Amino acid sequence: MKDKKDKEVDLNNNQEPITSISSPNTIDEAEMMKEVNQKILELNDYASFIKKKKSMINIRNYFFLYQLITEKEKKSKTGNEYG
């Protein structure tokens, strides 16, 4: 539960905030920085993956549109629009 000040309180409505067992104060600062750097690198890798995927989808879409246009041009040159 949360009170008006957005602090977590227990069910007995004590005004003391509830602290978790693994609070950030127990983790060494160097280890925390190492973990943060690792997460940043993972996010960077994921972003690169998404960019490549998006690029491949765009290439496929352009190729599909190119095929449609060339088919349409061939049909219009022969005078037969429906195949």
N, C-alpha and C. Protein backbone atom coordinates (compact mmCIF):
# COMPACT_ATOMS: atom_id res chain seq x y z
N MET A 1 0.83 -1.18 0.00
CA MET A 1 0.00 0.00 0.00
C MET A 1 0.88 1.25 0.00
N LYS A 2 0.33 2.33 -0.47
CA LYS A 2 1.08 3.59 -0.50
C LYS A 2 0.26 4.67 0.17
N ASP A 3 0.95 5.54 0.92
CA ASP A 3 0.22 6.64 1.54
C ASP A 3 0.28 7.88 0.66
N LYS A 4 -0.11 9.01 1.17
CA LYS A 4 -0.20 10.22 0.37
C LYS A 4 1.16 10.67 -0.16
N LYS A 5 2.23 10.30 0.51
CA LYS A 5 3.56 10.71 0.09
C LYS A 5 4.20 9.68 -0.83
N ASP A 6 3.43 8.69 -1.31
CA ASP A 6 3.89 7.63 -2.20
C ASP A 6 5.00 6.78 -1.58
N LYS A 7 5.01 6.65 -0.26
CA LYS A 7 5.93 5.73 0.40
C LYS A 7 5.20 4.42 0.63
N GLU A 8 5.95 3.33 0.54
CA GLU A 8 5.33 2.05 0.84
C GLU A 8 5.14 1.95 2.34
N VAL A 9 3.98 1.49 2.75
CA VAL A 9 3.70 1.27 4.17
C VAL A 9 3.16 -0.13 4.32
N ASP A 10 3.33 -0.70 5.51
CA ASP A 10 2.82 -2.05 5.72
C ASP A 10 1.33 -2.02 6.01
N LEU A 11 0.74 -3.20 6.16
CA LEU A 11 -0.71 -3.28 6.33
C LEU A 11 -1.19 -2.72 7.67
N ASN A 12 -0.31 -2.57 8.63
CA ASN A 12 -0.69 -2.01 9.93
C ASN A 12 -0.64 -0.49 9.92
N ASN A 13 -0.46 0.09 8.75
CA ASN A 13 -0.40 1.54 8.56
C ASN A 13 0.72 2.21 9.34
N ASN A 14 1.83 1.50 9.52
CA ASN A 14 3.00 2.16 10.10
C ASN A 14 3.54 3.13 9.06
N GLN A 15 4.06 4.24 9.52
CA GLN A 15 4.56 5.25 8.61
C GLN A 15 5.99 4.99 8.15
N GLU A 16 6.63 3.95 8.68
CA GLU A 16 7.98 3.62 8.27
C GLU A 16 7.95 2.92 6.92
N PRO A 17 8.79 3.32 5.98
CA PRO A 17 8.83 2.64 4.68
C PRO A 17 9.35 1.22 4.83
N ILE A 18 8.82 0.34 4.03
CA ILE A 18 9.25 -1.04 4.04
C ILE A 18 10.51 -1.14 3.19
N THR A 19 11.55 -1.74 3.75
CA THR A 19 12.79 -1.91 2.99
C THR A 19 12.89 -3.35 2.54
N SER A 20 13.35 -3.53 1.32
CA SER A 20 13.49 -4.89 0.81
C SER A 20 14.78 -5.49 1.32
N ILE A 21 14.87 -6.80 1.24
CA ILE A 21 16.05 -7.51 1.73
C ILE A 21 17.29 -7.15 0.91
N SER A 22 17.14 -7.05 -0.40
CA SER A 22 18.28 -6.75 -1.25
C SER A 22 18.24 -5.28 -1.67
N SER A 23 18.42 -4.39 -0.71
CA SER A 23 18.41 -2.98 -1.02
C SER A 23 19.71 -2.60 -1.73
N PRO A 24 19.70 -1.55 -2.52
CA PRO A 24 20.91 -1.15 -3.26
C PRO A 24 22.10 -0.83 -2.36
N ASN A 25 21.86 -0.53 -1.10
CA ASN A 25 22.96 -0.21 -0.20
C ASN A 25 23.84 -1.41 0.08
N THR A 26 23.34 -2.62 -0.09
CA THR A 26 24.13 -3.80 0.20
C THR A 26 25.03 -4.19 -0.96
N ILE A 27 24.78 -3.67 -2.15
CA ILE A 27 25.59 -4.02 -3.32
C ILE A 27 26.77 -3.06 -3.40
N ASP A 28 27.94 -3.62 -3.66
CA ASP A 28 29.14 -2.80 -3.82
C ASP A 28 28.96 -1.86 -5.01
N GLU A 29 29.42 -0.64 -4.88
CA GLU A 29 29.23 0.36 -5.94
C GLU A 29 29.91 -0.05 -7.24
N ALA A 30 31.07 -0.66 -7.17
CA ALA A 30 31.77 -1.10 -8.38
C ALA A 30 30.99 -2.20 -9.08
N GLU A 31 30.42 -3.10 -8.29
CA GLU A 31 29.62 -4.17 -8.89
C GLU A 31 28.36 -3.63 -9.54
N MET A 32 27.77 -2.62 -8.91
CA MET A 32 26.58 -2.00 -9.47
C MET A 32 26.92 -1.33 -10.81
N MET A 33 28.05 -0.64 -10.87
CA MET A 33 28.46 0.00 -12.12
C MET A 33 28.73 -1.04 -13.20
N LYS A 34 29.33 -2.16 -12.81
CA LYS A 34 29.59 -3.24 -13.76
C LYS A 34 28.27 -3.78 -14.31
N GLU A 35 27.30 -3.96 -13.45
CA GLU A 35 25.99 -4.47 -13.88
C GLU A 35 25.29 -3.46 -14.79
N VAL A 36 25.36 -2.18 -14.45
CA VAL A 36 24.75 -1.13 -15.27
C VAL A 36 25.39 -1.10 -16.65
N ASN A 37 26.72 -1.18 -16.69
CA ASN A 37 27.42 -1.20 -17.98
C ASN A 37 27.03 -2.41 -18.81
N GLN A 38 26.89 -3.56 -18.16
CA GLN A 38 26.48 -4.77 -18.87
C GLN A 38 25.08 -4.60 -19.47
N LYS A 39 24.18 -4.02 -18.70
CA LYS A 39 22.81 -3.80 -19.20
C LYS A 39 22.81 -2.82 -20.37
N ILE A 40 23.65 -1.80 -20.31
CA ILE A 40 23.73 -0.84 -21.41
C ILE A 40 24.23 -1.53 -22.67
N LEU A 41 25.25 -2.38 -22.53
CA LEU A 41 25.77 -3.13 -23.68
C LEU A 41 24.70 -4.06 -24.27
N GLU A 42 23.93 -4.71 -23.39
CA GLU A 42 22.86 -5.59 -23.87
C GLU A 42 21.80 -4.80 -24.62
N LEU A 43 21.45 -3.63 -24.11
CA LEU A 43 20.47 -2.78 -24.80
C LEU A 43 20.99 -2.33 -26.15
N ASN A 44 22.27 -2.01 -26.22
CA ASN A 44 22.88 -1.61 -27.48
C ASN A 44 22.82 -2.76 -28.50
N ASP A 45 23.14 -3.97 -28.04
CA ASP A 45 23.07 -5.13 -28.92
C ASP A 45 21.64 -5.35 -29.42
N TYR A 46 20.68 -5.21 -28.53
CA TYR A 46 19.29 -5.41 -28.91
C TYR A 46 18.83 -4.34 -29.91
N ALA A 47 19.27 -3.10 -29.69
CA ALA A 47 18.91 -2.03 -30.62
C ALA A 47 19.51 -2.30 -32.00
N SER A 48 20.74 -2.79 -32.06
CA SER A 48 21.36 -3.13 -33.34
C SER A 48 20.58 -4.23 -34.04
N PHE A 49 20.16 -5.22 -33.27
CA PHE A 49 19.37 -6.32 -33.82
C PHE A 49 18.06 -5.80 -34.42
N ILE A 50 17.37 -4.93 -33.70
CA ILE A 50 16.10 -4.38 -34.17
C ILE A 50 16.31 -3.55 -35.43
N LYS A 51 17.38 -2.76 -35.49
CA LYS A 51 17.67 -1.95 -36.68
C LYS A 51 17.90 -2.83 -37.90
N LYS A 52 18.65 -3.93 -37.71
CA LYS A 52 18.90 -4.84 -38.83
C LYS A 52 17.61 -5.50 -39.29
N LYS A 53 16.78 -5.92 -38.33
CA LYS A 53 15.50 -6.54 -38.67
C LYS A 53 14.62 -5.58 -39.44
N LYS A 54 14.55 -4.34 -38.98
CA LYS A 54 13.73 -3.32 -39.64
C LYS A 54 14.25 -3.05 -41.05
N SER A 55 15.55 -3.00 -41.20
CA SER A 55 16.16 -2.78 -42.50
C SER A 55 15.80 -3.91 -43.46
N MET A 56 15.86 -5.15 -42.99
CA MET A 56 15.53 -6.30 -43.84
C MET A 56 14.06 -6.26 -44.26
N ILE A 57 13.19 -5.87 -43.35
CA ILE A 57 11.76 -5.77 -43.68
C ILE A 57 11.56 -4.70 -44.74
N ASN A 58 12.25 -3.56 -44.60
CA ASN A 58 12.13 -2.49 -45.59
C ASN A 58 12.63 -2.95 -46.96
N ILE A 59 13.74 -3.67 -46.98
CA ILE A 59 14.28 -4.17 -48.24
C ILE A 59 13.28 -5.10 -48.91
N ARG A 60 12.69 -6.00 -48.12
CA ARG A 60 11.68 -6.92 -48.68
C ARG A 60 10.49 -6.16 -49.23
N ASN A 61 10.04 -5.14 -48.52
CA ASN A 61 8.90 -4.34 -48.98
C ASN A 61 9.23 -3.61 -50.27
N TYR A 62 10.43 -3.02 -50.35
CA TYR A 62 10.83 -2.33 -51.58
C TYR A 62 10.92 -3.30 -52.75
N PHE A 63 11.48 -4.47 -52.50
CA PHE A 63 11.60 -5.46 -53.56
C PHE A 63 10.21 -5.90 -54.04
N PHE A 64 9.28 -6.10 -53.12
CA PHE A 64 7.92 -6.48 -53.47
C PHE A 64 7.27 -5.39 -54.33
N LEU A 65 7.43 -4.14 -53.91
CA LEU A 65 6.85 -3.04 -54.68
C LEU A 65 7.50 -2.93 -56.06
N TYR A 66 8.81 -3.15 -56.12
CA TYR A 66 9.51 -3.13 -57.40
C TYR A 66 8.94 -4.20 -58.33
N GLN A 67 8.72 -5.40 -57.80
CA GLN A 67 8.13 -6.48 -58.61
C GLN A 67 6.75 -6.10 -59.11
N LEU A 68 5.92 -5.51 -58.25
CA LEU A 68 4.58 -5.10 -58.67
C LEU A 68 4.65 -4.07 -59.80
N ILE A 69 5.54 -3.10 -59.64
CA ILE A 69 5.66 -2.05 -60.66
C ILE A 69 6.13 -2.63 -61.98
N THR A 70 7.13 -3.51 -61.95
CA THR A 70 7.64 -4.08 -63.21
C THR A 70 6.58 -4.96 -63.87
N GLU A 71 5.81 -5.70 -63.08
CA GLU A 71 4.72 -6.50 -63.66
C GLU A 71 3.68 -5.59 -64.30
N LYS A 72 3.35 -4.51 -63.61
CA LYS A 72 2.37 -3.55 -64.14
C LYS A 72 2.87 -2.93 -65.45
N GLU A 73 4.16 -2.59 -65.50
CA GLU A 73 4.73 -2.03 -66.72
C GLU A 73 4.68 -3.03 -67.87
N LYS A 74 5.01 -4.29 -67.58
CA LYS A 74 4.98 -5.32 -68.63
C LYS A 74 3.57 -5.48 -69.17
N LYS A 75 2.58 -5.48 -68.25
CA LYS A 75 1.20 -5.65 -68.66
C LYS A 75 0.72 -4.45 -69.49
N SER A 76 1.15 -3.26 -69.09
CA SER A 76 0.71 -2.07 -69.83
C SER A 76 1.37 -1.99 -71.21
N LYS A 77 2.59 -2.51 -71.33
CA LYS A 77 3.27 -2.51 -72.63
C LYS A 77 2.62 -3.50 -73.60
N THR A 78 2.11 -4.61 -73.06
CA THR A 78 1.46 -5.59 -73.93
C THR A 78 0.01 -5.23 -74.17
N GLY A 79 -0.52 -4.28 -73.38
CA GLY A 79 -1.91 -3.87 -73.54
C GLY A 79 -2.89 -4.76 -72.80
N ASN A 80 -2.39 -5.67 -72.02
CA ASN A 80 -3.25 -6.59 -71.28
C ASN A 80 -3.08 -6.30 -69.79
N GLU A 81 -4.05 -5.60 -69.20
CA GLU A 81 -3.93 -5.20 -67.80
C GLU A 81 -4.23 -6.34 -66.84
N TYR A 82 -4.92 -7.35 -67.25
CA TYR A 82 -5.36 -8.40 -66.32
C TYR A 82 -4.57 -9.70 -66.47
N GLY A 83 -3.44 -9.65 -67.02
CA GLY A 83 -2.62 -10.85 -67.07
C GLY A 83 -2.40 -11.28 -68.43
